[in-house]
PDB file of all heavy atoms in Angstrom:
ATOM      1  N   SER A   1       6.808  -2.037   4.555  1.00  0.00           N
ATOM      2  CA  SER A   1       6.849  -3.477   4.302  1.00  0.00           C
ATOM      3  C   SER A   1       5.431  -4.000   4.116  1.00  0.00           C
ATOM      4  O   SER A   1       4.521  -3.557   4.815  1.00  0.00           O
ATOM      5  CB  SER A   1       7.480  -4.218   5.481  1.00  0.00           C
ATOM      6  OG  SER A   1       8.751  -3.713   5.762  1.00  0.00           O
ATOM      7  N   PRO A   2       5.224  -4.955   3.211  1.00  0.00           N
ATOM      8  CA  PRO A   2       3.883  -5.543   3.086  1.00  0.00           C
ATOM      9  C   PRO A   2       3.568  -6.400   4.308  1.00  0.00           C
ATOM     10  O   PRO A   2       4.448  -7.062   4.857  1.00  0.00           O
ATOM     11  CB  PRO A   2       3.969  -6.390   1.821  1.00  0.00           C
ATOM     12  CG  PRO A   2       5.428  -6.652   1.634  1.00  0.00           C
ATOM     13  CD  PRO A   2       6.170  -5.517   2.268  1.00  0.00           C
ATOM     14  N   ALA A   3       2.324  -6.373   4.736  1.00  0.00           N
ATOM     15  CA  ALA A   3       1.882  -7.229   5.835  1.00  0.00           C
ATOM     16  C   ALA A   3       1.589  -8.618   5.291  1.00  0.00           C
ATOM     17  O   ALA A   3       1.329  -8.794   4.097  1.00  0.00           O
ATOM     18  CB  ALA A   3       0.643  -6.639   6.508  1.00  0.00           C
ATOM     19  N   ALA A   4       1.622  -9.598   6.164  1.00  0.00           N
ATOM     20  CA  ALA A   4       1.458 -10.993   5.748  1.00  0.00           C
ATOM     21  C   ALA A   4       0.091 -11.278   5.145  1.00  0.00           C
ATOM     22  O   ALA A   4      -0.026 -11.924   4.123  1.00  0.00           O
ATOM     23  CB  ALA A   4       1.721 -11.921   6.925  1.00  0.00           C
ATOM     24  N   ALA A   5      -0.958 -10.816   5.798  1.00  0.00           N
ATOM     25  CA  ALA A   5      -2.317 -11.146   5.337  1.00  0.00           C
ATOM     26  C   ALA A   5      -3.065  -9.879   4.939  1.00  0.00           C
ATOM     27  O   ALA A   5      -2.913  -8.843   5.559  1.00  0.00           O
ATOM     28  CB  ALA A   5      -3.075 -11.863   6.446  1.00  0.00           C
ATOM     29  N   GLN A   6      -3.863 -10.008   3.903  1.00  0.00           N
ATOM     30  CA  GLN A   6      -4.703  -8.893   3.471  1.00  0.00           C
ATOM     31  C   GLN A   6      -6.100  -9.115   4.046  1.00  0.00           C
ATOM     32  O   GLN A   6      -6.647 -10.210   3.933  1.00  0.00           O
ATOM     33  CB  GLN A   6      -4.738  -8.806   1.946  1.00  0.00           C
ATOM     34  CG  GLN A   6      -3.368  -8.704   1.300  1.00  0.00           C
ATOM     35  CD  GLN A   6      -2.494  -7.611   1.892  1.00  0.00           C
ATOM     36  OE1 GLN A   6      -2.946  -6.537   2.228  1.00  0.00           O
ATOM     37  NE2 GLN A   6      -1.217  -7.896   2.035  1.00  0.00           N
ATOM     38  N   PRO A   7      -6.685  -8.082   4.662  1.00  0.00           N
ATOM     39  CA  PRO A   7      -7.962  -8.248   5.359  1.00  0.00           C
ATOM     40  C   PRO A   7      -9.126  -8.711   4.473  1.00  0.00           C
ATOM     41  O   PRO A   7      -9.865  -9.603   4.846  1.00  0.00           O
ATOM     42  CB  PRO A   7      -8.251  -6.870   5.933  1.00  0.00           C
ATOM     43  CG  PRO A   7      -7.010  -6.085   5.779  1.00  0.00           C
ATOM     44  CD  PRO A   7      -6.170  -6.748   4.754  1.00  0.00           C
ATOM     45  N   GLN A   8      -9.289  -8.104   3.306  1.00  0.00           N
ATOM     46  CA  GLN A   8     -10.387  -8.429   2.395  1.00  0.00           C
ATOM     47  C   GLN A   8      -9.886  -8.269   0.966  1.00  0.00           C
ATOM     48  O   GLN A   8      -8.929  -7.545   0.730  1.00  0.00           O
ATOM     49  CB  GLN A   8     -11.562  -7.467   2.605  1.00  0.00           C
ATOM     50  CG  GLN A   8     -12.163  -7.474   3.970  1.00  0.00           C
ATOM     51  CD  GLN A   8     -13.185  -6.339   4.107  1.00  0.00           C
ATOM     52  OE1 GLN A   8     -13.451  -5.591   3.191  1.00  0.00           O
ATOM     53  NE2 GLN A   8     -13.752  -6.221   5.291  1.00  0.00           N
ATOM     54  N   PRO A   9     -10.555  -8.896   0.010  1.00  0.00           N
ATOM     55  CA  PRO A   9     -10.154  -8.672  -1.384  1.00  0.00           C
ATOM     56  C   PRO A   9     -10.253  -7.185  -1.728  1.00  0.00           C
ATOM     57  O   PRO A   9     -11.223  -6.520  -1.390  1.00  0.00           O
ATOM     58  CB  PRO A   9     -11.168  -9.481  -2.191  1.00  0.00           C
ATOM     59  CG  PRO A   9     -11.662 -10.528  -1.232  1.00  0.00           C
ATOM     60  CD  PRO A   9     -11.628  -9.880   0.123  1.00  0.00           C
ATOM     61  N   GLY A  10      -9.223  -6.662  -2.350  1.00  0.00           N
ATOM     62  CA  GLY A  10      -9.207  -5.253  -2.728  1.00  0.00           C
ATOM     63  C   GLY A  10      -8.601  -4.351  -1.676  1.00  0.00           C
ATOM     64  O   GLY A  10      -8.427  -3.160  -1.914  1.00  0.00           O
ATOM     65  N   THR A  11      -8.279  -4.894  -0.500  1.00  0.00           N
ATOM     66  CA  THR A  11      -7.589  -4.108   0.519  1.00  0.00           C
ATOM     67  C   THR A  11      -6.167  -4.635   0.671  1.00  0.00           C
ATOM     68  O   THR A  11      -5.912  -5.827   0.490  1.00  0.00           O
ATOM     69  CB  THR A  11      -8.313  -4.143   1.878  1.00  0.00           C
ATOM     70  OG1 THR A  11      -8.412  -5.489   2.324  1.00  0.00           O
ATOM     71  CG2 THR A  11      -9.700  -3.520   1.790  1.00  0.00           C
ATOM     72  N   TYR A  12      -5.272  -3.744   1.019  1.00  0.00           N
ATOM     73  CA  TYR A  12      -3.860  -4.071   1.106  1.00  0.00           C
ATOM     74  C   TYR A  12      -3.306  -3.450   2.381  1.00  0.00           C
ATOM     75  O   TYR A  12      -3.510  -2.267   2.636  1.00  0.00           O
ATOM     76  CB  TYR A  12      -3.116  -3.532  -0.134  1.00  0.00           C
ATOM     77  CG  TYR A  12      -3.735  -4.069  -1.405  1.00  0.00           C
ATOM     78  CD1 TYR A  12      -4.802  -3.412  -2.012  1.00  0.00           C
ATOM     79  CD2 TYR A  12      -3.301  -5.259  -1.949  1.00  0.00           C
ATOM     80  CE1 TYR A  12      -5.400  -3.922  -3.148  1.00  0.00           C
ATOM     81  CE2 TYR A  12      -3.894  -5.782  -3.101  1.00  0.00           C
ATOM     82  CZ  TYR A  12      -4.943  -5.105  -3.683  1.00  0.00           C
ATOM     83  OH  TYR A  12      -5.547  -5.617  -4.806  1.00  0.00           O
ATOM     84  N   ARG A  13      -2.634  -4.267   3.187  1.00  0.00           N
ATOM     85  CA  ARG A  13      -2.093  -3.790   4.461  1.00  0.00           C
ATOM     86  C   ARG A  13      -0.579  -3.709   4.366  1.00  0.00           C
ATOM     87  O   ARG A  13       0.074  -4.624   3.867  1.00  0.00           O
ATOM     88  CB  ARG A  13      -2.503  -4.705   5.605  1.00  0.00           C
ATOM     89  CG  ARG A  13      -2.139  -4.113   6.952  1.00  0.00           C
ATOM     90  CD  ARG A  13      -2.742  -4.819   8.129  1.00  0.00           C
ATOM     91  NE  ARG A  13      -2.689  -6.259   7.980  1.00  0.00           N
ATOM     92  CZ  ARG A  13      -3.605  -7.074   8.491  1.00  0.00           C
ATOM     93  NH1 ARG A  13      -4.622  -6.596   9.162  1.00  0.00           N
ATOM     94  NH2 ARG A  13      -3.497  -8.374   8.331  1.00  0.00           N
ATOM     95  N   LEU A  14      -0.053  -2.606   4.861  1.00  0.00           N
ATOM     96  CA  LEU A  14       1.380  -2.352   4.864  1.00  0.00           C
ATOM     97  C   LEU A  14       1.795  -1.916   6.259  1.00  0.00           C
ATOM     98  O   LEU A  14       1.007  -1.297   6.981  1.00  0.00           O
ATOM     99  CB  LEU A  14       1.725  -1.244   3.861  1.00  0.00           C
ATOM    100  CG  LEU A  14       1.247  -1.503   2.435  1.00  0.00           C
ATOM    101  CD1 LEU A  14       0.983  -0.215   1.711  1.00  0.00           C
ATOM    102  CD2 LEU A  14       2.273  -2.321   1.700  1.00  0.00           C
ATOM    103  N   GLN A  15       3.019  -2.234   6.627  1.00  0.00           N
ATOM    104  CA  GLN A  15       3.524  -1.756   7.904  1.00  0.00           C
ATOM    105  C   GLN A  15       4.577  -0.688   7.619  1.00  0.00           C
ATOM    106  O   GLN A  15       5.494  -0.905   6.825  1.00  0.00           O
ATOM    107  CB  GLN A  15       4.130  -2.884   8.731  1.00  0.00           C
ATOM    108  CG  GLN A  15       4.468  -2.420  10.134  1.00  0.00           C
ATOM    109  CD  GLN A  15       4.843  -3.583  11.027  1.00  0.00           C
ATOM    110  OE1 GLN A  15       5.956  -4.045  10.978  1.00  0.00           O
ATOM    111  NE2 GLN A  15       3.877  -4.028  11.815  1.00  0.00           N
ATOM    112  N   VAL A  16       4.397   0.464   8.261  1.00  0.00           N
ATOM    113  CA  VAL A  16       5.292   1.596   8.059  1.00  0.00           C
ATOM    114  C   VAL A  16       6.049   1.842   9.352  1.00  0.00           C
ATOM    115  O   VAL A  16       5.441   1.923  10.422  1.00  0.00           O
ATOM    116  CB  VAL A  16       4.499   2.857   7.654  1.00  0.00           C
ATOM    117  CG1 VAL A  16       5.450   4.020   7.413  1.00  0.00           C
ATOM    118  CG2 VAL A  16       3.644   2.599   6.418  1.00  0.00           C
ATOM    119  N   GLU A  17       7.372   1.952   9.237  1.00  0.00           N
ATOM    120  CA  GLU A  17       8.181   2.310  10.397  1.00  0.00           C
ATOM    121  C   GLU A  17       8.117   3.821  10.554  1.00  0.00           C
ATOM    122  O   GLU A  17       8.813   4.564   9.869  1.00  0.00           O
ATOM    123  CB  GLU A  17       9.620   1.825  10.207  1.00  0.00           C
ATOM    124  CG  GLU A  17       9.746   0.327  10.272  1.00  0.00           C
ATOM    125  CD  GLU A  17      11.174  -0.160  10.141  1.00  0.00           C
ATOM    126  OE1 GLU A  17      12.118   0.653  10.239  1.00  0.00           O
ATOM    127  OE2 GLU A  17      11.338  -1.370   9.931  1.00  0.00           O
ATOM    128  N   THR A  18       7.238   4.245  11.433  1.00  0.00           N
ATOM    129  CA  THR A  18       7.033   5.660  11.711  1.00  0.00           C
ATOM    130  C   THR A  18       7.821   5.993  12.973  1.00  0.00           C
ATOM    131  O   THR A  18       7.377   5.695  14.069  1.00  0.00           O
ATOM    132  CB  THR A  18       5.542   5.967  11.891  1.00  0.00           C
ATOM    133  OG1 THR A  18       4.986   5.016  12.814  1.00  0.00           O
ATOM    134  CG2 THR A  18       4.789   5.846  10.577  1.00  0.00           C
ATOM    135  N   GLY A  19       8.958   6.584  12.809  1.00  0.00           N
ATOM    136  CA  GLY A  19       9.834   6.857  13.936  1.00  0.00           C
ATOM    137  C   GLY A  19       9.290   7.872  14.922  1.00  0.00           C
ATOM    138  O   GLY A  19       9.740   7.922  16.057  1.00  0.00           O
ATOM    139  N   MET A  20       8.311   8.659  14.483  1.00  0.00           N
ATOM    140  CA  MET A  20       7.746   9.648  15.389  1.00  0.00           C
ATOM    141  C   MET A  20       6.278   9.903  15.056  1.00  0.00           C
ATOM    142  O   MET A  20       5.818   9.607  13.951  1.00  0.00           O
ATOM    143  CB  MET A  20       8.553  10.946  15.353  1.00  0.00           C
ATOM    144  CG  MET A  20       8.621  11.615  14.008  1.00  0.00           C
ATOM    145  SD  MET A  20       9.786  13.002  13.905  1.00  0.00           S
ATOM    146  CE  MET A  20       9.277  14.046  15.235  1.00  0.00           C
ATOM    147  N   ALA A  21       5.581  10.422  16.029  1.00  0.00           N
ATOM    148  CA  ALA A  21       4.156  10.722  15.853  1.00  0.00           C
ATOM    149  C   ALA A  21       3.993  11.918  14.924  1.00  0.00           C
ATOM    150  O   ALA A  21       4.864  12.771  14.821  1.00  0.00           O
ATOM    151  CB  ALA A  21       3.518  11.007  17.211  1.00  0.00           C
ATOM    152  N   GLY A  22       2.843  11.961  14.253  1.00  0.00           N
ATOM    153  CA  GLY A  22       2.537  13.088  13.381  1.00  0.00           C
ATOM    154  C   GLY A  22       1.912  12.639  12.081  1.00  0.00           C
ATOM    155  O   GLY A  22       1.559  11.475  11.899  1.00  0.00           O
ATOM    156  N   GLY A  23       1.788  13.583  11.174  1.00  0.00           N
ATOM    157  CA  GLY A  23       1.206  13.303   9.868  1.00  0.00           C
ATOM    158  C   GLY A  23       2.220  12.687   8.923  1.00  0.00           C
ATOM    159  O   GLY A  23       3.356  13.153   8.820  1.00  0.00           O
ATOM    160  N   TRP A  24       1.802  11.632   8.260  1.00  0.00           N
ATOM    161  CA  TRP A  24       2.646  10.911   7.313  1.00  0.00           C
ATOM    162  C   TRP A  24       1.942  10.805   5.973  1.00  0.00           C
ATOM    163  O   TRP A  24       0.715  10.772   5.904  1.00  0.00           O
ATOM    164  CB  TRP A  24       2.953   9.502   7.830  1.00  0.00           C
ATOM    165  CG  TRP A  24       3.957   9.469   8.929  1.00  0.00           C
ATOM    166  CD1 TRP A  24       3.746   9.773  10.243  1.00  0.00           C
ATOM    167  CD2 TRP A  24       5.334   9.136   8.815  1.00  0.00           C
ATOM    168  NE1 TRP A  24       4.899   9.652  10.953  1.00  0.00           N
ATOM    169  CE2 TRP A  24       5.901   9.242  10.099  1.00  0.00           C
ATOM    170  CE3 TRP A  24       6.139   8.741   7.762  1.00  0.00           C
ATOM    171  CZ2 TRP A  24       7.235   8.984  10.340  1.00  0.00           C
ATOM    172  CZ3 TRP A  24       7.477   8.473   8.013  1.00  0.00           C
ATOM    173  CH2 TRP A  24       8.015   8.600   9.290  1.00  0.00           C
ATOM    174  N   ALA A  25       2.736  10.724   4.907  1.00  0.00           N
ATOM    175  CA  ALA A  25       2.224  10.478   3.558  1.00  0.00           C
ATOM    176  C   ALA A  25       2.785   9.143   3.075  1.00  0.00           C
ATOM    177  O   ALA A  25       3.977   8.888   3.209  1.00  0.00           O
ATOM    178  CB  ALA A  25       2.642  11.593   2.613  1.00  0.00           C
ATOM    179  N   LEU A  26       1.916   8.315   2.555  1.00  0.00           N
ATOM    180  CA  LEU A  26       2.307   7.016   2.000  1.00  0.00           C
ATOM    181  C   LEU A  26       2.018   7.047   0.502  1.00  0.00           C
ATOM    182  O   LEU A  26       0.857   7.126   0.092  1.00  0.00           O
ATOM    183  CB  LEU A  26       1.530   5.887   2.679  1.00  0.00           C
ATOM    184  CG  LEU A  26       1.770   4.472   2.170  1.00  0.00           C
ATOM    185  CD1 LEU A  26       3.234   4.066   2.334  1.00  0.00           C
ATOM    186  CD2 LEU A  26       0.855   3.487   2.894  1.00  0.00           C
ATOM    187  N   SER A  27       3.075   7.023  -0.299  1.00  0.00           N
ATOM    188  CA  SER A  27       2.940   7.018  -1.759  1.00  0.00           C
ATOM    189  C   SER A  27       3.048   5.586  -2.246  1.00  0.00           C
ATOM    190  O   SER A  27       3.939   4.850  -1.835  1.00  0.00           O
ATOM    191  CB  SER A  27       4.038   7.869  -2.399  1.00  0.00           C
ATOM    192  OG  SER A  27       3.959   9.195  -1.936  1.00  0.00           O
ATOM    193  N   LEU A  28       2.119   5.220  -3.129  1.00  0.00           N
ATOM    194  CA  LEU A  28       2.033   3.847  -3.622  1.00  0.00           C
ATOM    195  C   LEU A  28       1.896   3.826  -5.136  1.00  0.00           C
ATOM    196  O   LEU A  28       1.295   4.719  -5.724  1.00  0.00           O
ATOM    197  CB  LEU A  28       0.795   3.150  -3.039  1.00  0.00           C
ATOM    198  CG  LEU A  28       0.632   3.147  -1.538  1.00  0.00           C
ATOM    199  CD1 LEU A  28      -0.797   2.817  -1.168  1.00  0.00           C
ATOM    200  CD2 LEU A  28       1.571   2.146  -0.934  1.00  0.00           C
ATOM    201  N   SER A  29       2.407   2.771  -5.730  1.00  0.00           N
ATOM    202  CA  SER A  29       2.165   2.473  -7.140  1.00  0.00           C
ATOM    203  C   SER A  29       1.582   1.074  -7.194  1.00  0.00           C
ATOM    204  O   SER A  29       2.007   0.193  -6.437  1.00  0.00           O
ATOM    205  CB  SER A  29       3.459   2.526  -7.943  1.00  0.00           C
ATOM    206  OG  SER A  29       3.994   3.827  -7.940  1.00  0.00           O
ATOM    207  N   ALA A  30       0.606   0.872  -8.073  1.00  0.00           N
ATOM    208  CA  ALA A  30      -0.050  -0.434  -8.184  1.00  0.00           C
ATOM    209  C   ALA A  30      -0.181  -0.835  -9.650  1.00  0.00           C
ATOM    210  O   ALA A  30      -0.518  -0.007 -10.493  1.00  0.00           O
ATOM    211  CB  ALA A  30      -1.432  -0.394  -7.530  1.00  0.00           C
ATOM    212  N   LYS A  31       0.088  -2.101  -9.910  1.00  0.00           N
ATOM    213  CA  LYS A  31      -0.156  -2.684 -11.227  1.00  0.00           C
ATOM    214  C   LYS A  31      -1.394  -3.557 -11.109  1.00  0.00           C
ATOM    215  O   LYS A  31      -1.507  -4.372 -10.201  1.00  0.00           O
ATOM    216  CB  LYS A  31       1.021  -3.544 -11.685  1.00  0.00           C
ATOM    217  CG  LYS A  31       2.172  -2.774 -12.267  1.00  0.00           C
ATOM    218  CD  LYS A  31       1.792  -1.862 -13.370  1.00  0.00           C
ATOM    219  CE  LYS A  31       1.979  -2.422 -14.737  1.00  0.00           C
ATOM    220  NZ  LYS A  31       1.651  -1.470 -15.792  1.00  0.00           N
ATOM    221  N   ILE A  32      -2.305  -3.360 -12.032  1.00  0.00           N
ATOM    222  CA  ILE A  32      -3.572  -4.080 -12.039  1.00  0.00           C
ATOM    223  C   ILE A  32      -3.587  -4.990 -13.258  1.00  0.00           C
ATOM    224  O   ILE A  32      -3.245  -4.559 -14.369  1.00  0.00           O
ATOM    225  CB  ILE A  32      -4.755  -3.091 -12.087  1.00  0.00           C
ATOM    226  CG1 ILE A  32      -4.696  -2.191 -10.855  1.00  0.00           C
ATOM    227  CG2 ILE A  32      -6.083  -3.824 -12.189  1.00  0.00           C
ATOM    228  CD1 ILE A  32      -5.609  -1.001 -10.929  1.00  0.00           C
ATOM    229  N   GLN A  33      -3.998  -6.236 -13.031  1.00  0.00           N
ATOM    230  CA  GLN A  33      -4.047  -7.199 -14.128  1.00  0.00           C
ATOM    231  C   GLN A  33      -4.931  -6.663 -15.250  1.00  0.00           C
ATOM    232  O   GLN A  33      -6.047  -6.194 -15.015  1.00  0.00           O
ATOM    233  CB  GLN A  33      -4.596  -8.529 -13.637  1.00  0.00           C
ATOM    234  CG  GLN A  33      -3.662  -9.244 -12.707  1.00  0.00           C
ATOM    235  CD  GLN A  33      -4.228 -10.569 -12.231  1.00  0.00           C
ATOM    236  OE1 GLN A  33      -5.352 -10.939 -12.535  1.00  0.00           O
ATOM    237  NE2 GLN A  33      -3.432 -11.299 -11.476  1.00  0.00           N
ATOM    238  N   GLY A  34      -4.414  -6.724 -16.475  1.00  0.00           N
ATOM    239  CA  GLY A  34      -5.177  -6.309 -17.642  1.00  0.00           C
ATOM    240  C   GLY A  34      -5.079  -4.830 -17.964  1.00  0.00           C
ATOM    241  O   GLY A  34      -5.606  -4.388 -18.977  1.00  0.00           O
ATOM    242  N   GLU A  35      -4.412  -4.049 -17.132  1.00  0.00           N
ATOM    243  CA  GLU A  35      -4.259  -2.613 -17.388  1.00  0.00           C
ATOM    244  C   GLU A  35      -2.815  -2.324 -17.764  1.00  0.00           C
ATOM    245  O   GLU A  35      -1.894  -2.898 -17.184  1.00  0.00           O
ATOM    246  CB  GLU A  35      -4.647  -1.783 -16.156  1.00  0.00           C
ATOM    247  CG  GLU A  35      -6.088  -1.911 -15.750  1.00  0.00           C
ATOM    248  CD  GLU A  35      -7.056  -1.286 -16.748  1.00  0.00           C
ATOM    249  OE1 GLU A  35      -6.615  -0.610 -17.707  1.00  0.00           O
ATOM    250  OE2 GLU A  35      -8.265  -1.493 -16.592  1.00  0.00           O
ATOM    251  N   THR A  36      -2.623  -1.436 -18.711  1.00  0.00           N
ATOM    252  CA  THR A  36      -1.272  -1.115 -19.156  1.00  0.00           C
ATOM    253  C   THR A  36      -0.611  -0.054 -18.290  1.00  0.00           C
ATOM    254  O   THR A  36       0.602  -0.031 -18.177  1.00  0.00           O
ATOM    255  CB  THR A  36      -1.277  -0.642 -20.617  1.00  0.00           C
ATOM    256  OG1 THR A  36      -2.145   0.486 -20.732  1.00  0.00           O
ATOM    257  CG2 THR A  36      -1.749  -1.746 -21.542  1.00  0.00           C
ATOM    258  N   GLU A  37      -1.391   0.807 -17.701  1.00  0.00           N
ATOM    259  CA  GLU A  37      -0.829   1.893 -16.899  1.00  0.00           C
ATOM    260  C   GLU A  37      -0.681   1.505 -15.440  1.00  0.00           C
ATOM    261  O   GLU A  37      -1.394   0.642 -14.934  1.00  0.00           O
ATOM    262  CB  GLU A  37      -1.721   3.126 -16.979  1.00  0.00           C
ATOM    263  CG  GLU A  37      -1.624   3.850 -18.281  1.00  0.00           C
ATOM    264  CD  GLU A  37      -2.259   5.218 -18.190  1.00  0.00           C
ATOM    265  OE1 GLU A  37      -3.130   5.421 -17.339  1.00  0.00           O
ATOM    266  OE2 GLU A  37      -1.850   6.080 -18.969  1.00  0.00           O
ATOM    267  N   THR A  38       0.219   2.201 -14.777  1.00  0.00           N
ATOM    268  CA  THR A  38       0.417   2.048 -13.343  1.00  0.00           C
ATOM    269  C   THR A  38      -0.447   3.070 -12.622  1.00  0.00           C
ATOM    270  O   THR A  38      -0.491   4.237 -13.004  1.00  0.00           O
ATOM    271  CB  THR A  38       1.902   2.270 -12.989  1.00  0.00           C
ATOM    272  OG1 THR A  38       2.677   1.287 -13.678  1.00  0.00           O
ATOM    273  CG2 THR A  38       2.140   2.164 -11.503  1.00  0.00           C
ATOM    274  N   VAL A  39      -1.128   2.631 -11.569  1.00  0.00           N
ATOM    275  CA  VAL A  39      -1.927   3.527 -10.742  1.00  0.00           C
ATOM    276  C   VAL A  39      -1.015   4.051  -9.645  1.00  0.00           C
ATOM    277  O   VAL A  39      -0.370   3.277  -8.939  1.00  0.00           O
ATOM    278  CB  VAL A  39      -3.144   2.786 -10.142  1.00  0.00           C
ATOM    279  CG1 VAL A  39      -3.913   3.686  -9.196  1.00  0.00           C
ATOM    280  CG2 VAL A  39      -4.038   2.254 -11.244  1.00  0.00           C
ATOM    281  N   ARG A  40      -0.961   5.374  -9.502  1.00  0.00           N
ATOM    282  CA  ARG A  40      -0.134   6.002  -8.470  1.00  0.00           C
ATOM    283  C   ARG A  40      -1.014   6.876  -7.594  1.00  0.00           C
ATOM    284  O   ARG A  40      -1.888   7.583  -8.098  1.00  0.00           O
ATOM    285  CB  ARG A  40       0.969   6.838  -9.107  1.00  0.00           C
ATOM    286  CG  ARG A  40       2.009   6.001  -9.820  1.00  0.00           C
ATOM    287  CD  ARG A  40       3.093   6.853 -10.485  1.00  0.00           C
ATOM    288  NE  ARG A  40       4.157   6.041 -11.012  1.00  0.00           N
ATOM    289  CZ  ARG A  40       4.108   5.433 -12.193  1.00  0.00           C
ATOM    290  NH1 ARG A  40       3.055   5.540 -12.949  1.00  0.00           N
ATOM    291  NH2 ARG A  40       5.130   4.694 -12.602  1.00  0.00           N
TER     292      ARG A  40
END
Protein backbone atom coordinates (compact mmCIF):
# COMPACT_ATOMS: atom_id res chain seq x y z
CA SER A 1 0.00 0.00 0.00
CA PRO A 2 1.26 3.54 -0.64
CA ALA A 3 2.11 5.52 2.48
CA ALA A 4 0.37 8.83 3.08
CA ALA A 5 3.40 11.12 2.95
CA GLN A 6 6.55 10.95 0.88
CA PRO A 7 9.70 11.88 2.83
CA GLN A 8 11.48 13.91 0.11
CA PRO A 9 10.99 14.66 -3.58
CA GLY A 10 12.04 11.60 -5.56
CA THR A 11 11.47 9.19 -2.67
CA TYR A 12 8.42 6.99 -2.34
CA ARG A 13 7.26 5.17 0.79
CA LEU A 14 5.19 2.01 0.71
CA GLN A 15 3.87 -0.21 3.46
CA VAL A 16 4.27 -3.94 2.91
CA GLU A 17 2.37 -6.54 4.89
CA THR A 18 5.25 -8.87 5.68
CA GLY A 19 3.68 -11.80 7.47
CA MET A 20 7.03 -13.17 8.55
CA ALA A 21 10.63 -12.14 9.05
CA GLY A 22 13.18 -12.72 6.31
CA GLY A 23 14.25 -11.53 2.91
CA TRP A 24 11.61 -9.92 0.72
CA ALA A 25 11.56 -8.65 -2.86
CA LEU A 26 9.50 -5.60 -3.80
CA SER A 27 8.81 -5.28 -7.53
CA LEU A 28 7.72 -1.86 -8.75
CA SER A 29 6.70 -0.18 -11.98
CA ALA A 30 6.87 3.60 -12.35
CA LYS A 31 5.58 6.04 -14.94
CA ILE A 32 7.61 9.21 -15.28
CA GLN A 33 6.18 12.39 -16.75
CA GLY A 34 7.46 12.92 -20.29
CA GLU A 35 8.76 9.36 -20.74
CA THR A 36 7.03 6.81 -22.93
CA GLU A 37 8.43 3.71 -21.27
CA THR A 38 7.64 2.25 -17.88
CA VAL A 39 10.52 1.88 -15.43
CA ARG A 40 10.51 -1.54 -13.75
